């Protein structure tokens, strides 16, 4: 993926997701380490590997499945990211925020991010 993303790159990603799912999520969830199993509760999911979405950053953290699920969770249509790209993996801030901008193009207006933290 190029470090210089253009608006057309975001549109291409949104179009690729729309081509794989007829569902219209309004909520985006990013599941970090430890919460990936929440994706198992998504009903009737359309599953899209990150590698199938143009320009989507594919992280390498163990435990991150690297895929989108679009389906129903507790009666709400959601887009669930199983894992994300991180700055420490060598991604730029523009690449890291790419999925958030694509979600907005998809009509998502609520965005929740989870993570595991400990000491």
N, C-alpha and C. Protein backbone atom coordinates (compact mmCIF):
# COMPACT_ATOMS: atom_id res chain seq x y z
N UNK A 1 0.85 -1.17 0.00
CA UNK A 1 0.00 0.00 0.00
C UNK A 1 0.89 1.23 0.00
N UNK A 2 0.53 2.19 -0.78
CA UNK A 2 1.26 3.45 -0.85
C UNK A 2 1.06 4.24 0.42
N UNK A 3 2.07 5.06 0.76
CA UNK A 3 1.95 5.94 1.92
C UNK A 3 1.13 7.17 1.60
N UNK A 4 0.82 7.40 0.33
CA UNK A 4 0.06 8.58 -0.07
C UNK A 4 -1.29 8.14 -0.62
N UNK A 5 -2.28 8.15 0.24
CA UNK A 5 -3.62 7.71 -0.15
C UNK A 5 -4.42 8.88 -0.70
N UNK A 6 -5.21 8.59 -1.72
CA UNK A 6 -6.08 9.58 -2.34
C UNK A 6 -7.53 9.23 -2.02
N UNK A 7 -8.43 10.19 -2.21
CA UNK A 7 -9.84 9.95 -1.94
C UNK A 7 -10.36 8.76 -2.74
N UNK A 8 -9.86 8.60 -3.95
CA UNK A 8 -10.29 7.47 -4.78
C UNK A 8 -9.92 6.13 -4.14
N UNK A 9 -8.86 6.09 -3.34
CA UNK A 9 -8.48 4.85 -2.65
C UNK A 9 -9.52 4.47 -1.60
N UNK A 10 -10.03 5.48 -0.90
CA UNK A 10 -11.08 5.24 0.10
C UNK A 10 -12.37 4.77 -0.58
N UNK A 11 -12.69 5.42 -1.69
CA UNK A 11 -13.90 5.03 -2.44
C UNK A 11 -13.80 3.60 -2.96
N UNK A 12 -12.61 3.22 -3.44
CA UNK A 12 -12.42 1.86 -3.96
C UNK A 12 -12.62 0.83 -2.85
N UNK A 13 -12.14 1.12 -1.67
CA UNK A 13 -12.32 0.20 -0.55
C UNK A 13 -13.79 0.09 -0.17
N UNK A 14 -14.47 1.23 -0.08
CA UNK A 14 -15.90 1.22 0.26
C UNK A 14 -16.70 0.45 -0.79
N UNK A 15 -16.37 0.65 -2.06
CA UNK A 15 -17.06 -0.07 -3.14
C UNK A 15 -16.83 -1.57 -3.05
N UNK A 16 -15.61 -1.98 -2.71
CA UNK A 16 -15.29 -3.40 -2.59
C UNK A 16 -16.09 -4.04 -1.45
N UNK A 17 -16.26 -3.31 -0.36
CA UNK A 17 -17.04 -3.83 0.76
C UNK A 17 -18.52 -3.92 0.38
N UNK A 18 -19.02 -2.89 -0.26
CA UNK A 18 -20.43 -2.91 -0.70
C UNK A 18 -20.70 -4.06 -1.67
N UNK A 19 -19.70 -4.39 -2.49
CA UNK A 19 -19.87 -5.48 -3.46
C UNK A 19 -19.97 -6.84 -2.78
N UNK A 20 -19.47 -6.94 -1.55
CA UNK A 20 -19.46 -8.21 -0.83
C UNK A 20 -20.56 -8.34 0.22
N UNK A 21 -21.26 -7.23 0.49
CA UNK A 21 -22.31 -7.28 1.51
C UNK A 21 -23.44 -6.32 1.15
N UNK A 22 -24.66 -6.81 1.22
CA UNK A 22 -25.83 -5.97 0.98
C UNK A 22 -26.33 -5.33 2.27
N UNK A 23 -25.67 -5.64 3.39
CA UNK A 23 -26.08 -5.08 4.68
C UNK A 23 -25.55 -3.65 4.82
N UNK A 24 -26.24 -2.85 5.62
CA UNK A 24 -25.90 -1.43 5.78
C UNK A 24 -25.63 -1.12 7.25
N UNK A 25 -24.40 -1.36 7.71
CA UNK A 25 -24.11 -1.13 9.12
C UNK A 25 -24.09 0.36 9.47
N UNK A 26 -24.50 0.65 10.69
CA UNK A 26 -24.44 2.01 11.23
C UNK A 26 -23.45 2.10 12.39
N UNK A 27 -22.98 0.93 12.85
CA UNK A 27 -22.05 0.86 13.97
C UNK A 27 -20.80 0.12 13.52
N UNK A 28 -19.63 0.69 13.82
CA UNK A 28 -18.36 0.05 13.55
C UNK A 28 -17.69 -0.34 14.85
N UNK A 29 -17.24 -1.58 14.95
CA UNK A 29 -16.53 -2.07 16.13
C UNK A 29 -15.15 -2.54 15.72
N UNK A 30 -14.14 -2.14 16.46
CA UNK A 30 -12.79 -2.64 16.24
C UNK A 30 -12.43 -3.50 17.44
N UNK A 31 -12.24 -4.79 17.20
CA UNK A 31 -11.94 -5.72 18.27
C UNK A 31 -10.44 -5.95 18.35
N UNK A 32 -9.86 -5.59 19.46
CA UNK A 32 -8.45 -5.82 19.68
C UNK A 32 -8.22 -7.18 20.32
N UNK A 33 -7.00 -7.38 20.76
CA UNK A 33 -6.64 -8.64 21.41
C UNK A 33 -7.55 -8.89 22.60
N UNK A 34 -8.02 -10.11 22.72
CA UNK A 34 -8.83 -10.49 23.85
C UNK A 34 -10.33 -10.38 23.62
N UNK A 35 -10.76 -9.62 22.64
CA UNK A 35 -12.19 -9.49 22.38
C UNK A 35 -12.59 -10.02 21.01
N UNK A 36 -11.66 -10.64 20.33
CA UNK A 36 -11.95 -11.18 19.01
C UNK A 36 -13.09 -12.17 19.01
N UNK A 37 -13.31 -12.84 20.14
CA UNK A 37 -14.39 -13.83 20.21
C UNK A 37 -15.77 -13.19 20.17
N UNK A 38 -15.87 -11.88 20.43
CA UNK A 38 -17.17 -11.20 20.31
C UNK A 38 -17.72 -11.34 18.89
N UNK A 39 -16.83 -11.48 17.93
CA UNK A 39 -17.26 -11.64 16.54
C UNK A 39 -18.10 -12.90 16.36
N UNK A 40 -17.91 -13.90 17.23
CA UNK A 40 -18.69 -15.13 17.14
C UNK A 40 -20.18 -14.88 17.39
N UNK A 41 -20.50 -13.77 18.05
CA UNK A 41 -21.90 -13.45 18.36
C UNK A 41 -22.60 -12.73 17.21
N UNK A 42 -21.85 -12.34 16.17
CA UNK A 42 -22.44 -11.65 15.02
C UNK A 42 -23.24 -12.67 14.21
N UNK A 43 -24.51 -12.36 13.99
CA UNK A 43 -25.39 -13.26 13.26
C UNK A 43 -25.40 -12.94 11.77
N UNK A 44 -25.48 -13.99 10.96
CA UNK A 44 -25.53 -13.88 9.49
C UNK A 44 -24.42 -12.98 8.94
N UNK A 45 -23.17 -13.24 9.34
CA UNK A 45 -22.11 -12.33 8.91
C UNK A 45 -21.69 -12.53 7.45
N UNK A 46 -21.43 -11.41 6.79
CA UNK A 46 -20.68 -11.42 5.54
C UNK A 46 -19.23 -11.22 5.98
N UNK A 47 -18.34 -12.12 5.56
CA UNK A 47 -16.95 -12.09 6.03
C UNK A 47 -16.05 -11.69 4.87
N UNK A 48 -15.23 -10.66 5.12
CA UNK A 48 -14.35 -10.14 4.08
C UNK A 48 -12.93 -10.05 4.64
N UNK A 49 -11.99 -10.86 4.14
CA UNK A 49 -10.60 -10.73 4.58
C UNK A 49 -10.04 -9.36 4.19
N UNK A 50 -9.25 -8.77 5.08
CA UNK A 50 -8.67 -7.46 4.79
C UNK A 50 -7.93 -7.44 3.46
N UNK A 51 -7.26 -8.53 3.14
CA UNK A 51 -6.50 -8.59 1.90
C UNK A 51 -7.34 -8.48 0.65
N UNK A 52 -8.66 -8.67 0.78
CA UNK A 52 -9.57 -8.55 -0.36
C UNK A 52 -10.08 -7.13 -0.57
N UNK A 53 -9.71 -6.22 0.32
CA UNK A 53 -10.18 -4.84 0.25
C UNK A 53 -9.03 -3.96 -0.22
N UNK A 54 -9.18 -3.26 -1.33
CA UNK A 54 -8.09 -2.43 -1.85
C UNK A 54 -7.60 -1.42 -0.81
N UNK A 55 -6.28 -1.36 -0.65
CA UNK A 55 -5.60 -0.38 0.21
C UNK A 55 -5.82 -0.58 1.71
N UNK A 56 -6.55 -1.61 2.10
CA UNK A 56 -6.81 -1.84 3.53
C UNK A 56 -5.53 -2.33 4.20
N UNK A 57 -5.12 -1.73 5.31
CA UNK A 57 -3.89 -2.19 5.98
C UNK A 57 -4.11 -3.54 6.65
N UNK A 58 -3.17 -4.44 6.45
CA UNK A 58 -3.26 -5.78 7.02
C UNK A 58 -2.18 -5.89 8.09
N UNK A 59 -2.60 -5.88 9.35
CA UNK A 59 -1.66 -5.96 10.46
C UNK A 59 -1.14 -7.38 10.65
N UNK A 60 -0.15 -7.49 11.54
CA UNK A 60 0.51 -8.77 11.75
C UNK A 60 0.45 -9.25 13.19
N UNK A 61 -0.33 -8.59 14.04
CA UNK A 61 -0.38 -8.94 15.46
C UNK A 61 -1.06 -10.29 15.64
N UNK A 62 -0.44 -11.16 16.43
CA UNK A 62 -1.02 -12.47 16.73
C UNK A 62 -2.37 -12.29 17.42
N UNK A 63 -3.33 -13.10 17.03
CA UNK A 63 -4.65 -13.02 17.62
C UNK A 63 -5.61 -12.11 16.89
N UNK A 64 -5.10 -11.36 15.92
CA UNK A 64 -5.97 -10.52 15.09
C UNK A 64 -6.26 -11.28 13.80
N UNK A 65 -7.53 -11.55 13.55
CA UNK A 65 -7.91 -12.40 12.42
C UNK A 65 -7.77 -11.73 11.06
N UNK A 66 -7.74 -10.40 11.04
CA UNK A 66 -7.56 -9.70 9.77
C UNK A 66 -8.73 -9.82 8.82
N UNK A 67 -9.93 -9.61 9.36
CA UNK A 67 -11.10 -9.68 8.49
C UNK A 67 -12.22 -8.79 9.04
N UNK A 68 -13.12 -8.42 8.13
CA UNK A 68 -14.33 -7.68 8.48
C UNK A 68 -15.49 -8.65 8.55
N UNK A 69 -16.38 -8.40 9.47
CA UNK A 69 -17.65 -9.11 9.52
C UNK A 69 -18.73 -8.04 9.49
N UNK A 70 -19.71 -8.23 8.63
CA UNK A 70 -20.86 -7.34 8.60
C UNK A 70 -22.09 -8.21 8.84
N UNK A 71 -22.78 -7.91 9.92
CA UNK A 71 -23.93 -8.71 10.30
C UNK A 71 -24.71 -8.06 11.42
N UNK A 72 -25.45 -8.87 12.16
CA UNK A 72 -26.32 -8.35 13.22
C UNK A 72 -25.78 -8.77 14.58
N UNK A 73 -25.72 -7.81 15.48
CA UNK A 73 -25.29 -8.04 16.86
C UNK A 73 -26.30 -7.35 17.77
N UNK A 74 -26.99 -8.16 18.57
CA UNK A 74 -28.00 -7.61 19.49
C UNK A 74 -29.02 -6.73 18.76
N UNK A 75 -29.41 -7.16 17.56
CA UNK A 75 -30.44 -6.46 16.81
C UNK A 75 -29.97 -5.27 16.00
N UNK A 76 -28.68 -4.97 16.04
CA UNK A 76 -28.11 -3.83 15.30
C UNK A 76 -27.20 -4.35 14.19
N UNK A 77 -27.25 -3.71 13.03
CA UNK A 77 -26.35 -4.08 11.95
C UNK A 77 -25.00 -3.42 12.21
N UNK A 78 -23.96 -4.24 12.27
CA UNK A 78 -22.63 -3.77 12.64
C UNK A 78 -21.59 -4.20 11.61
N UNK A 79 -20.52 -3.43 11.56
CA UNK A 79 -19.30 -3.82 10.85
C UNK A 79 -18.27 -4.05 11.94
N UNK A 80 -17.71 -5.24 11.98
CA UNK A 80 -16.74 -5.61 13.01
C UNK A 80 -15.39 -5.84 12.36
N UNK A 81 -14.38 -5.12 12.85
CA UNK A 81 -13.00 -5.37 12.43
C UNK A 81 -12.37 -6.32 13.44
N UNK A 82 -11.86 -7.43 12.96
CA UNK A 82 -11.13 -8.36 13.82
C UNK A 82 -9.65 -8.07 13.66
N UNK A 83 -9.18 -7.13 14.45
CA UNK A 83 -7.79 -6.71 14.39
C UNK A 83 -7.63 -5.42 13.62
N UNK A 84 -6.47 -4.79 13.80
CA UNK A 84 -6.19 -3.52 13.14
C UNK A 84 -4.69 -3.36 12.96
N UNK A 85 -4.32 -2.38 12.16
CA UNK A 85 -2.91 -2.06 11.93
C UNK A 85 -2.44 -1.12 13.04
N UNK A 86 -1.16 -1.21 13.37
CA UNK A 86 -0.58 -0.39 14.43
C UNK A 86 0.63 0.39 13.91
N UNK A 87 0.88 1.51 14.53
CA UNK A 87 2.03 2.35 14.18
C UNK A 87 3.34 1.57 14.36
N UNK A 88 3.43 0.79 15.44
CA UNK A 88 4.67 0.06 15.71
C UNK A 88 4.95 -1.05 14.69
N UNK A 89 3.97 -1.35 13.84
CA UNK A 89 4.18 -2.33 12.77
C UNK A 89 4.74 -1.67 11.51
N UNK A 90 4.88 -0.35 11.55
CA UNK A 90 5.43 0.36 10.40
C UNK A 90 4.40 1.07 9.54
N UNK A 91 3.15 1.06 9.97
CA UNK A 91 2.10 1.75 9.22
C UNK A 91 2.11 3.24 9.56
N UNK A 92 1.75 4.05 8.58
CA UNK A 92 1.66 5.50 8.79
C UNK A 92 0.33 5.83 9.46
N UNK A 93 0.23 7.01 10.07
CA UNK A 93 -1.07 7.42 10.63
C UNK A 93 -2.18 7.41 9.57
N UNK A 94 -1.85 7.79 8.35
CA UNK A 94 -2.86 7.78 7.29
C UNK A 94 -3.36 6.36 7.02
N UNK A 95 -2.46 5.40 7.02
CA UNK A 95 -2.85 4.01 6.80
C UNK A 95 -3.66 3.47 7.98
N UNK A 96 -3.26 3.83 9.19
CA UNK A 96 -3.94 3.34 10.38
C UNK A 96 -5.37 3.85 10.44
N UNK A 97 -5.59 5.08 10.01
CA UNK A 97 -6.94 5.66 10.06
C UNK A 97 -7.76 5.36 8.81
N UNK A 98 -7.17 4.69 7.84
CA UNK A 98 -7.87 4.35 6.60
C UNK A 98 -9.22 3.67 6.86
N UNK A 99 -9.27 2.62 7.70
CA UNK A 99 -10.56 1.95 7.92
C UNK A 99 -11.64 2.87 8.49
N UNK A 100 -11.26 3.80 9.36
CA UNK A 100 -12.25 4.72 9.95
C UNK A 100 -12.88 5.58 8.86
N UNK A 101 -12.07 6.07 7.95
CA UNK A 101 -12.57 6.93 6.88
C UNK A 101 -13.46 6.13 5.91
N UNK A 102 -13.09 4.88 5.67
CA UNK A 102 -13.92 4.03 4.82
C UNK A 102 -15.26 3.75 5.50
N UNK A 103 -15.22 3.51 6.80
CA UNK A 103 -16.48 3.28 7.54
C UNK A 103 -17.42 4.47 7.39
N UNK A 104 -16.89 5.67 7.45
CA UNK A 104 -17.73 6.86 7.29
C UNK A 104 -18.37 6.86 5.91
N UNK A 105 -17.62 6.49 4.88
CA UNK A 105 -18.18 6.42 3.53
C UNK A 105 -19.28 5.36 3.43
N UNK A 106 -19.20 4.35 4.27
CA UNK A 106 -20.22 3.29 4.28
C UNK A 106 -21.47 3.70 5.07
N UNK A 107 -21.44 4.86 5.71
CA UNK A 107 -22.60 5.33 6.46
C UNK A 107 -22.55 5.03 7.94
N UNK A 108 -21.42 4.57 8.42
CA UNK A 108 -21.28 4.28 9.85
C UNK A 108 -21.13 5.59 10.61
N UNK A 109 -21.95 5.75 11.65
CA UNK A 109 -21.87 6.99 12.43
C UNK A 109 -21.53 6.76 13.89
N UNK A 110 -21.39 5.51 14.30
CA UNK A 110 -20.93 5.18 15.65
C UNK A 110 -19.74 4.25 15.53
N UNK A 111 -18.64 4.59 16.22
CA UNK A 111 -17.38 3.87 16.07
C UNK A 111 -16.84 3.54 17.46
N UNK A 112 -16.65 2.25 17.75
CA UNK A 112 -16.13 1.81 19.04
C UNK A 112 -14.84 1.03 18.82
N UNK A 113 -13.82 1.37 19.61
CA UNK A 113 -12.52 0.70 19.52
C UNK A 113 -12.23 0.03 20.85
N UNK A 114 -11.77 -1.20 20.81
CA UNK A 114 -11.38 -1.91 22.03
C UNK A 114 -9.90 -2.22 21.96
N UNK A 115 -9.32 -2.50 23.12
CA UNK A 115 -7.94 -2.95 23.17
C UNK A 115 -7.71 -3.69 24.48
N UNK A 116 -6.62 -4.42 24.52
CA UNK A 116 -6.20 -5.06 25.75
C UNK A 116 -5.02 -4.27 26.29
N UNK A 117 -5.02 -4.03 27.57
CA UNK A 117 -3.92 -3.31 28.20
C UNK A 117 -3.62 -3.98 29.53
N UNK A 118 -2.38 -4.01 29.87
CA UNK A 118 -2.02 -4.64 31.13
C UNK A 118 -0.62 -4.27 31.53
N UNK A 119 -0.25 -4.72 32.64
CA UNK A 119 1.08 -4.37 33.14
C UNK A 119 1.71 -5.52 33.85
